[in-house]
Amino acid sequence: AQVALGWEVSARLDGGELVLTILEEGRPIAPLI
C-alpha cells in the first residue's frame, strides 16, 4: 500500500532546519504528519 502511493521522499539538513520533500507524481505534497 505504501509503495502504491508512489511517493518520493527525501530529507536534508539546511543549517538549523530539516527540509523534508515528499513528491507525488513529481509534485510536492504536504500529507498529514
All heavy atoms as atom14 arrays in JSON, in Angstrom:
{
  "sequence": "AQVALGWEVSARLDGGELVLTILEEGRPIAPLI",
  "atom14_mask": [
    [1, 1, 1, 1, 1, 0, 0, 0, 0, 0, 0, 0, 0, 0],
    [1, 1, 1, 1, 1, 1, 1, 1, 1, 0, 0, 0, 0, 0],
    [1, 1, 1, 1, 1, 1, 1, 0, 0, 0, 0, 0, 0, 0],
    [1, 1, 1, 1, 1, 0, 0, 0, 0, 0, 0, 0, 0, 0],
    [1, 1, 1, 1, 1, 1, 1, 1, 0, 0, 0, 0, 0, 0],
    [1, 1, 1, 1, 0, 0, 0, 0, 0, 0, 0, 0, 0, 0],
    [1, 1, 1, 1, 1, 1, 1, 1, 1, 1, 1, 1, 1, 1],
    [1, 1, 1, 1, 1, 1, 1, 1, 1, 0, 0, 0, 0, 0],
    [1, 1, 1, 1, 1, 1, 1, 0, 0, 0, 0, 0, 0, 0],
    [1, 1, 1, 1, 1, 1, 0, 0, 0, 0, 0, 0, 0, 0],
    [1, 1, 1, 1, 1, 0, 0, 0, 0, 0, 0, 0, 0, 0],
    [1, 1, 1, 1, 1, 1, 1, 1, 1, 1, 1, 0, 0, 0],
    [1, 1, 1, 1, 1, 1, 1, 1, 0, 0, 0, 0, 0, 0],
    [1, 1, 1, 1, 1, 1, 1, 1, 0, 0, 0, 0, 0, 0],
    [1, 1, 1, 1, 0, 0, 0, 0, 0, 0, 0, 0, 0, 0],
    [1, 1, 1, 1, 0, 0, 0, 0, 0, 0, 0, 0, 0, 0],
    [1, 1, 1, 1, 1, 1, 1, 1, 1, 0, 0, 0, 0, 0],
    [1, 1, 1, 1, 1, 1, 1, 1, 0, 0, 0, 0, 0, 0],
    [1, 1, 1, 1, 1, 1, 1, 0, 0, 0, 0, 0, 0, 0],
    [1, 1, 1, 1, 1, 1, 1, 1, 0, 0, 0, 0, 0, 0],
    [1, 1, 1, 1, 1, 1, 1, 0, 0, 0, 0, 0, 0, 0],
    [1, 1, 1, 1, 1, 1, 1, 1, 0, 0, 0, 0, 0, 0],
    [1, 1, 1, 1, 1, 1, 1, 1, 0, 0, 0, 0, 0, 0],
    [1, 1, 1, 1, 1, 1, 1, 1, 1, 0, 0, 0, 0, 0],
    [1, 1, 1, 1, 1, 1, 1, 1, 1, 0, 0, 0, 0, 0],
    [1, 1, 1, 1, 0, 0, 0, 0, 0, 0, 0, 0, 0, 0],
    [1, 1, 1, 1, 1, 1, 1, 1, 1, 1, 1, 0, 0, 0],
    [1, 1, 1, 1, 1, 1, 1, 0, 0, 0, 0, 0, 0, 0],
    [1, 1, 1, 1, 1, 1, 1, 1, 0, 0, 0, 0, 0, 0],
    [1, 1, 1, 1, 1, 0, 0, 0, 0, 0, 0, 0, 0, 0],
    [1, 1, 1, 1, 1, 1, 1, 0, 0, 0, 0, 0, 0, 0],
    [1, 1, 1, 1, 1, 1, 1, 1, 0, 0, 0, 0, 0, 0],
    [1, 1, 1, 1, 1, 1, 1, 1, 0, 0, 0, 0, 0, 0]
  ],
  "atom14_positions": [
    [[0.84, -1.21, 0.0], [0.0, 0.0, 0.0], [0.87, 1.25, 0.0], [0.58, 2.23, -0.7], [-0.92, 0.0, 1.21], [0.0, 0.0, 0.0], [0.0, 0.0, 0.0], [0.0, 0.0, 0.0], [0.0, 0.0, 0.0], [0.0, 0.0, 0.0], [0.0, 0.0, 0.0], [0.0, 0.0, 0.0], [0.0, 0.0, 0.0], [0.0, 0.0, 0.0]],
    [[1.96, 1.2, 0.74], [2.87, 2.35, 0.8], [3.57, 2.57, -0.53], [3.67, 3.7, -1.01], [3.89, 2.11, 1.92], [4.83, 3.25, 2.15], [5.65, 3.04, 3.4], [5.13, 2.83, 4.46], [6.97, 3.12, 3.25], [0.0, 0.0, 0.0], [0.0, 0.0, 0.0], [0.0, 0.0, 0.0], [0.0, 0.0, 0.0], [0.0, 0.0, 0.0]],
    [[4.01, 1.5, -1.18], [4.66, 1.6, -2.49], [3.67, 2.11, -3.53], [4.01, 2.89, -4.42], [5.28, 0.24, -2.89], [5.7, 0.24, -4.34], [6.44, -0.1, -1.99], [0.0, 0.0, 0.0], [0.0, 0.0, 0.0], [0.0, 0.0, 0.0], [0.0, 0.0, 0.0], [0.0, 0.0, 0.0], [0.0, 0.0, 0.0], [0.0, 0.0, 0.0]],
    [[2.4, 1.7, -3.43], [1.38, 2.12, -4.38], [1.13, 3.63, -4.34], [0.66, 4.21, -5.32], [0.07, 1.38, -4.11], [0.0, 0.0, 0.0], [0.0, 0.0, 0.0], [0.0, 0.0, 0.0], [0.0, 0.0, 0.0], [0.0, 0.0, 0.0], [0.0, 0.0, 0.0], [0.0, 0.0, 0.0], [0.0, 0.0, 0.0], [0.0, 0.0, 0.0]],
    [[1.47, 4.27, -3.22], [1.32, 5.73, -3.15], [2.24, 6.42, -4.16], [1.92, 7.49, -4.67], [1.65, 6.24, -1.74], [0.66, 5.91, -0.64], [1.24, 6.33, 0.71], [-0.68, 6.57, -0.89], [0.0, 0.0, 0.0], [0.0, 0.0, 0.0], [0.0, 0.0, 0.0], [0.0, 0.0, 0.0], [0.0, 0.0, 0.0], [0.0, 0.0, 0.0]],
    [[3.38, 5.82, -4.43], [4.32, 6.38, -5.39], [5.05, 7.61, -4.89], [5.55, 8.41, -5.68], [0.0, 0.0, 0.0], [0.0, 0.0, 0.0], [0.0, 0.0, 0.0], [0.0, 0.0, 0.0], [0.0, 0.0, 0.0], [0.0, 0.0, 0.0], [0.0, 0.0, 0.0], [0.0, 0.0, 0.0], [0.0, 0.0, 0.0], [0.0, 0.0, 0.0]],
    [[5.15, 7.77, -3.59], [5.81, 8.95, -3.03], [7.32, 8.82, -3.14], [7.89, 7.77, -2.94], [5.45, 9.12, -1.57], [4.05, 9.56, -1.31], [3.07, 9.8, -2.23], [3.46, 9.79, -0.04], [1.91, 10.17, -1.61], [2.13, 10.18, -0.25], [3.91, 9.71, 1.26], [1.26, 10.48, 0.79], [3.05, 10.01, 2.29], [1.74, 10.4, 2.05]],
    [[7.95, 9.92, -3.48], [9.41, 10.03, -3.45], [9.74, 10.95, -2.28], [9.36, 12.11, -2.27], [9.94, 10.64, -4.75], [9.7, 9.78, -5.97], [10.14, 10.48, -7.23], [11.21, 11.12, -7.22], [9.39, 10.41, -8.22], [0.0, 0.0, 0.0], [0.0, 0.0, 0.0], [0.0, 0.0, 0.0], [0.0, 0.0, 0.0], [0.0, 0.0, 0.0]],
    [[10.43, 10.41, -1.29], [10.69, 11.15, -0.06], [12.19, 11.37, 0.09], [12.99, 10.46, -0.08], [10.16, 10.36, 1.16], [10.43, 11.11, 2.45], [8.68, 10.08, 1.0], [0.0, 0.0, 0.0], [0.0, 0.0, 0.0], [0.0, 0.0, 0.0], [0.0, 0.0, 0.0], [0.0, 0.0, 0.0], [0.0, 0.0, 0.0], [0.0, 0.0, 0.0]],
    [[12.55, 12.61, 0.41], [13.95, 12.93, 0.68], [14.01, 13.97, 1.79], [13.06, 14.73, 1.99], [14.64, 13.45, -0.58], [14.05, 14.67, -1.0], [0.0, 0.0, 0.0], [0.0, 0.0, 0.0], [0.0, 0.0, 0.0], [0.0, 0.0, 0.0], [0.0, 0.0, 0.0], [0.0, 0.0, 0.0], [0.0, 0.0, 0.0], [0.0, 0.0, 0.0]],
    [[15.12, 13.96, 2.49], [15.31, 14.92, 3.58], [16.76, 15.38, 3.57], [17.66, 14.64, 3.17], [14.96, 14.29, 4.91], [0.0, 0.0, 0.0], [0.0, 0.0, 0.0], [0.0, 0.0, 0.0], [0.0, 0.0, 0.0], [0.0, 0.0, 0.0], [0.0, 0.0, 0.0], [0.0, 0.0, 0.0], [0.0, 0.0, 0.0], [0.0, 0.0, 0.0]],
    [[16.95, 16.61, 4.03], [18.3, 17.15, 4.14], [18.33, 18.17, 5.26], [17.29, 18.72, 5.65], [18.76, 17.78, 2.82], [17.95, 18.98, 2.39], [18.41, 19.52, 1.03], [17.46, 20.47, 0.5], [17.37, 21.75, 0.84], [18.2, 22.24, 1.73], [16.47, 22.54, 0.3], [0.0, 0.0, 0.0], [0.0, 0.0, 0.0], [0.0, 0.0, 0.0]],
    [[19.53, 18.39, 5.76], [19.71, 19.41, 6.78], [20.2, 20.68, 6.11], [21.12, 20.64, 5.29], [20.72, 18.94, 7.83], [20.25, 17.79, 8.7], [21.39, 17.22, 9.53], [19.11, 18.23, 9.6], [0.0, 0.0, 0.0], [0.0, 0.0, 0.0], [0.0, 0.0, 0.0], [0.0, 0.0, 0.0], [0.0, 0.0, 0.0], [0.0, 0.0, 0.0]],
    [[19.58, 21.79, 6.44], [19.95, 23.09, 5.88], [20.13, 24.04, 7.05], [19.16, 24.64, 7.52], [18.85, 23.58, 4.93], [19.24, 24.86, 4.21], [20.43, 25.23, 4.24], [18.34, 25.5, 3.63], [0.0, 0.0, 0.0], [0.0, 0.0, 0.0], [0.0, 0.0, 0.0], [0.0, 0.0, 0.0], [0.0, 0.0, 0.0], [0.0, 0.0, 0.0]],
    [[21.37, 24.11, 7.55], [21.62, 24.92, 8.73], [20.93, 24.29, 9.93], [21.1, 23.11, 10.22], [0.0, 0.0, 0.0], [0.0, 0.0, 0.0], [0.0, 0.0, 0.0], [0.0, 0.0, 0.0], [0.0, 0.0, 0.0], [0.0, 0.0, 0.0], [0.0, 0.0, 0.0], [0.0, 0.0, 0.0], [0.0, 0.0, 0.0], [0.0, 0.0, 0.0]],
    [[20.1, 25.04, 10.61], [19.37, 24.53, 11.75], [17.97, 24.08, 11.4], [17.07, 24.09, 12.25], [0.0, 0.0, 0.0], [0.0, 0.0, 0.0], [0.0, 0.0, 0.0], [0.0, 0.0, 0.0], [0.0, 0.0, 0.0], [0.0, 0.0, 0.0], [0.0, 0.0, 0.0], [0.0, 0.0, 0.0], [0.0, 0.0, 0.0], [0.0, 0.0, 0.0]],
    [[17.77, 23.69, 10.15], [16.44, 23.31, 9.69], [16.5, 21.99, 8.95], [17.41, 21.73, 8.18], [15.92, 24.41, 8.77], [14.49, 24.29, 8.39], [14.0, 25.51, 7.61], [14.59, 25.82, 6.56], [13.02, 26.11, 8.07], [0.0, 0.0, 0.0], [0.0, 0.0, 0.0], [0.0, 0.0, 0.0], [0.0, 0.0, 0.0], [0.0, 0.0, 0.0]],
    [[15.51, 21.14, 9.19], [15.38, 19.91, 8.43], [14.36, 20.17, 7.33], [13.26, 20.66, 7.61], [14.89, 18.76, 9.33], [14.91, 17.4, 8.67], [15.36, 16.35, 9.66], [13.56, 17.04, 8.13], [0.0, 0.0, 0.0], [0.0, 0.0, 0.0], [0.0, 0.0, 0.0], [0.0, 0.0, 0.0], [0.0, 0.0, 0.0], [0.0, 0.0, 0.0]],
    [[14.74, 19.86, 6.11], [13.87, 20.09, 4.95], [13.45, 18.72, 4.41], [14.27, 17.93, 3.96], [14.6, 20.9, 3.85], [13.68, 21.12, 2.67], [15.12, 22.22, 4.41], [0.0, 0.0, 0.0], [0.0, 0.0, 0.0], [0.0, 0.0, 0.0], [0.0, 0.0, 0.0], [0.0, 0.0, 0.0], [0.0, 0.0, 0.0], [0.0, 0.0, 0.0]],
    [[12.15, 18.45, 4.49], [11.57, 17.18, 4.05], [10.75, 17.43, 2.79], [9.83, 18.24, 2.8], [10.69, 16.6, 5.15], [9.89, 15.33, 4.83], [10.84, 14.16, 4.61], [8.92, 15.03, 5.95], [0.0, 0.0, 0.0], [0.0, 0.0, 0.0], [0.0, 0.0, 0.0], [0.0, 0.0, 0.0], [0.0, 0.0, 0.0], [0.0, 0.0, 0.0]],
    [[11.11, 16.74, 1.72], [10.39, 16.89, 0.46], [9.69, 15.58, 0.14], [10.33, 14.52, 0.1], [11.36, 17.26, -0.68], [12.09, 18.42, -0.3], [10.61, 17.53, -1.96], [0.0, 0.0, 0.0], [0.0, 0.0, 0.0], [0.0, 0.0, 0.0], [0.0, 0.0, 0.0], [0.0, 0.0, 0.0], [0.0, 0.0, 0.0], [0.0, 0.0, 0.0]],
    [[8.38, 15.66, -0.09], [7.6, 14.49, -0.49], [6.95, 14.81, -1.83], [6.18, 15.77, -1.93], [6.52, 14.15, 0.57], [7.19, 13.9, 1.93], [5.72, 12.92, 0.13], [6.22, 13.67, 3.06], [0.0, 0.0, 0.0], [0.0, 0.0, 0.0], [0.0, 0.0, 0.0], [0.0, 0.0, 0.0], [0.0, 0.0, 0.0], [0.0, 0.0, 0.0]],
    [[7.3, 14.01, -2.83], [6.77, 14.21, -4.17], [5.8, 13.09, -4.52], [6.06, 11.92, -4.27], [7.9, 14.24, -5.19], [8.99, 15.29, -5.01], [10.07, 15.11, -6.05], [8.42, 16.69, -5.05], [0.0, 0.0, 0.0], [0.0, 0.0, 0.0], [0.0, 0.0, 0.0], [0.0, 0.0, 0.0], [0.0, 0.0, 0.0], [0.0, 0.0, 0.0]],
    [[4.68, 13.49, -5.12], [3.71, 12.54, -5.64], [3.51, 12.89, -7.11], [3.05, 13.99, -7.42], [2.39, 12.63, -4.86], [1.37, 11.63, -5.31], [0.1, 11.72, -4.45], [-0.39, 12.84, -4.22], [-0.37, 10.65, -4.02], [0.0, 0.0, 0.0], [0.0, 0.0, 0.0], [0.0, 0.0, 0.0], [0.0, 0.0, 0.0], [0.0, 0.0, 0.0]],
    [[3.89, 11.96, -7.98], [3.85, 12.19, -9.42], [4.62, 13.45, -9.8], [4.21, 14.24, -10.64], [2.41, 12.26, -9.91], [1.65, 10.96, -9.72], [0.2, 11.04, -10.17], [-0.24, 12.13, -10.64], [-0.49, 10.03, -10.06], [0.0, 0.0, 0.0], [0.0, 0.0, 0.0], [0.0, 0.0, 0.0], [0.0, 0.0, 0.0], [0.0, 0.0, 0.0]],
    [[5.76, 13.67, -9.12], [6.64, 14.79, -9.43], [6.23, 16.11, -8.8], [6.95, 17.1, -8.94], [0.0, 0.0, 0.0], [0.0, 0.0, 0.0], [0.0, 0.0, 0.0], [0.0, 0.0, 0.0], [0.0, 0.0, 0.0], [0.0, 0.0, 0.0], [0.0, 0.0, 0.0], [0.0, 0.0, 0.0], [0.0, 0.0, 0.0], [0.0, 0.0, 0.0]],
    [[5.09, 16.16, -8.11], [4.63, 17.41, -7.49], [4.79, 17.32, -5.97], [4.45, 16.3, -5.37], [3.17, 17.66, -7.83], [2.93, 17.95, -9.31], [1.47, 18.31, -9.6], [0.5, 17.42, -9.0], [0.05, 16.3, -9.56], [0.5, 15.92, -10.74], [-0.84, 15.54, -8.95], [0.0, 0.0, 0.0], [0.0, 0.0, 0.0], [0.0, 0.0, 0.0]],
    [[5.26, 18.4, -5.33], [5.39, 18.37, -3.88], [4.02, 18.34, -3.2], [3.08, 18.99, -3.65], [6.13, 19.67, -3.56], [6.01, 20.53, -4.75], [5.74, 19.65, -5.93], [0.0, 0.0, 0.0], [0.0, 0.0, 0.0], [0.0, 0.0, 0.0], [0.0, 0.0, 0.0], [0.0, 0.0, 0.0], [0.0, 0.0, 0.0], [0.0, 0.0, 0.0]],
    [[3.93, 17.56, -2.15], [2.69, 17.46, -1.38], [3.01, 17.66, 0.1], [4.16, 17.58, 0.53], [1.98, 16.11, -1.58], [2.89, 14.95, -1.12], [1.55, 15.92, -3.03], [2.19, 13.62, -1.04], [0.0, 0.0, 0.0], [0.0, 0.0, 0.0], [0.0, 0.0, 0.0], [0.0, 0.0, 0.0], [0.0, 0.0, 0.0], [0.0, 0.0, 0.0]],
    [[1.97, 17.91, 0.88], [2.11, 18.08, 2.34], [1.09, 17.18, 3.03], [0.03, 17.64, 3.44], [1.91, 19.54, 2.72], [0.0, 0.0, 0.0], [0.0, 0.0, 0.0], [0.0, 0.0, 0.0], [0.0, 0.0, 0.0], [0.0, 0.0, 0.0], [0.0, 0.0, 0.0], [0.0, 0.0, 0.0], [0.0, 0.0, 0.0], [0.0, 0.0, 0.0]],
    [[1.41, 15.89, 3.17], [0.46, 14.99, 3.83], [0.41, 15.26, 5.33], [1.25, 15.99, 5.88], [1.04, 13.61, 3.55], [2.5, 13.85, 3.43], [2.63, 15.2, 2.8], [0.0, 0.0, 0.0], [0.0, 0.0, 0.0], [0.0, 0.0, 0.0], [0.0, 0.0, 0.0], [0.0, 0.0, 0.0], [0.0, 0.0, 0.0], [0.0, 0.0, 0.0]],
    [[-0.54, 14.65, 5.99], [-0.65, 14.76, 7.44], [0.52, 14.0, 8.07], [0.7, 12.81, 7.83], [-1.97, 14.15, 7.92], [-2.14, 14.01, 9.43], [-2.2, 15.38, 10.08], [-3.38, 13.2, 9.74], [0.0, 0.0, 0.0], [0.0, 0.0, 0.0], [0.0, 0.0, 0.0], [0.0, 0.0, 0.0], [0.0, 0.0, 0.0], [0.0, 0.0, 0.0]],
    [[1.33, 14.7, 8.86], [2.45, 14.08, 9.55], [1.95, 13.67, 10.94], [1.68, 14.53, 11.77], [3.66, 15.04, 9.68], [4.09, 15.56, 8.3], [4.81, 14.35, 10.4], [4.62, 14.52, 7.36], [0.0, 0.0, 0.0], [0.0, 0.0, 0.0], [0.0, 0.0, 0.0], [0.0, 0.0, 0.0], [0.0, 0.0, 0.0], [0.0, 0.0, 0.0]]
  ]
}
